[in-house]
Amino acid sequence: KVGAAGLWQFMPATGKQYNLVKSRYINLFYDPYSSTDAACRYLNYLFSLFNDWNLVLSSYNCGQGCVSN
């Protein structure tokens, strides 16, 4: 209900950062290859920030800012 879409439930802004595009003709949020690639890159980025998989998964779920605070 908050706007997350696709296999990895990316929010629109985060998806855009990782090259997931949505248009009238294509929606990469639902493409298994593109969305999984984006999720792996995003998880890698989060791990570089937190260096703890529990914090990475928490921040994937509720947002990087929420966990940082």
Protein backbone atom coordinates (compact mmCIF):
# COMPACT_ATOMS: atom_id res chain seq x y z
CA LYS A 1 0.00 0.00 0.00
CA VAL A 2 2.99 2.34 0.33
CA GLY A 3 4.18 1.88 -3.26
CA ALA A 4 6.68 -0.99 -3.12
CA ALA A 5 6.58 -3.10 -6.27
CA GLY A 6 8.00 -6.23 -7.80
CA LEU A 7 9.76 -9.35 -6.67
CA TRP A 8 12.05 -7.49 -4.24
CA GLN A 9 9.48 -4.88 -3.21
CA PHE A 10 11.49 -1.82 -4.21
CA MET A 11 10.12 1.61 -3.45
CA PRO A 12 10.01 3.79 -6.60
CA ALA A 13 12.86 6.11 -5.53
CA THR A 14 15.16 3.25 -4.54
CA GLY A 15 14.34 1.34 -7.70
CA LYS A 16 15.19 4.39 -9.77
CA GLN A 17 18.60 4.61 -8.04
CA TYR A 18 19.29 1.04 -9.16
CA ASN A 19 18.07 1.49 -12.74
CA LEU A 20 14.67 -0.13 -12.36
CA VAL A 21 12.46 1.77 -14.75
CA LYS A 22 8.74 1.76 -15.12
CA SER A 23 7.00 3.15 -18.18
CA ARG A 24 3.95 2.51 -20.25
CA TYR A 25 5.84 -0.22 -22.14
CA ILE A 26 8.22 -1.76 -19.60
CA ASN A 27 8.36 -2.36 -15.87
CA LEU A 28 11.72 -3.68 -14.67
CA PHE A 29 10.47 -3.87 -11.09
CA TYR A 30 8.82 -7.14 -12.15
CA ASP A 31 11.70 -8.46 -14.26
CA PRO A 32 13.37 -11.24 -12.24
CA TYR A 33 16.86 -10.64 -13.62
CA SER A 34 16.88 -6.84 -13.37
CA SER A 35 15.22 -6.66 -9.98
CA THR A 36 17.45 -9.36 -8.47
CA ASP A 37 20.55 -7.61 -9.82
CA ALA A 38 19.34 -4.35 -8.29
CA ALA A 39 18.57 -6.04 -4.96
CA CYS A 40 22.04 -7.60 -4.80
CA ARG A 41 23.68 -4.26 -5.51
CA TYR A 42 21.48 -2.55 -2.90
CA LEU A 43 22.20 -5.22 -0.27
CA ASN A 44 25.91 -4.91 -1.02
CA TYR A 45 25.69 -1.14 -0.54
CA LEU A 46 23.84 -1.56 2.75
CA PHE A 47 26.42 -4.07 3.95
CA SER A 48 29.19 -1.57 3.19
CA LEU A 49 27.39 0.88 5.50
CA PHE A 50 26.41 -1.38 8.39
CA ASN A 51 28.77 -4.38 8.14
CA ASP A 52 26.13 -6.50 9.86
CA TRP A 53 23.59 -8.65 8.01
CA ASN A 54 20.92 -8.18 10.67
CA LEU A 55 21.13 -4.41 10.23
CA VAL A 56 21.24 -4.79 6.44
CA LEU A 57 18.02 -6.80 6.41
CA SER A 58 16.38 -4.41 8.84
CA SER A 59 17.33 -1.41 6.72
CA TYR A 60 16.12 -3.17 3.56
CA ASN A 61 12.78 -3.59 5.28
CA CYS A 62 12.25 -0.27 7.04
CA GLY A 63 14.80 2.02 5.38
CA GLN A 64 18.40 3.02 5.80
CA GLY A 65 17.53 6.17 7.74
CA CYS A 66 15.40 4.28 10.25
CA VAL A 67 18.26 1.91 11.10
CA SER A 68 20.87 4.68 11.11
CA ASN A 69 18.88 6.60 13.69
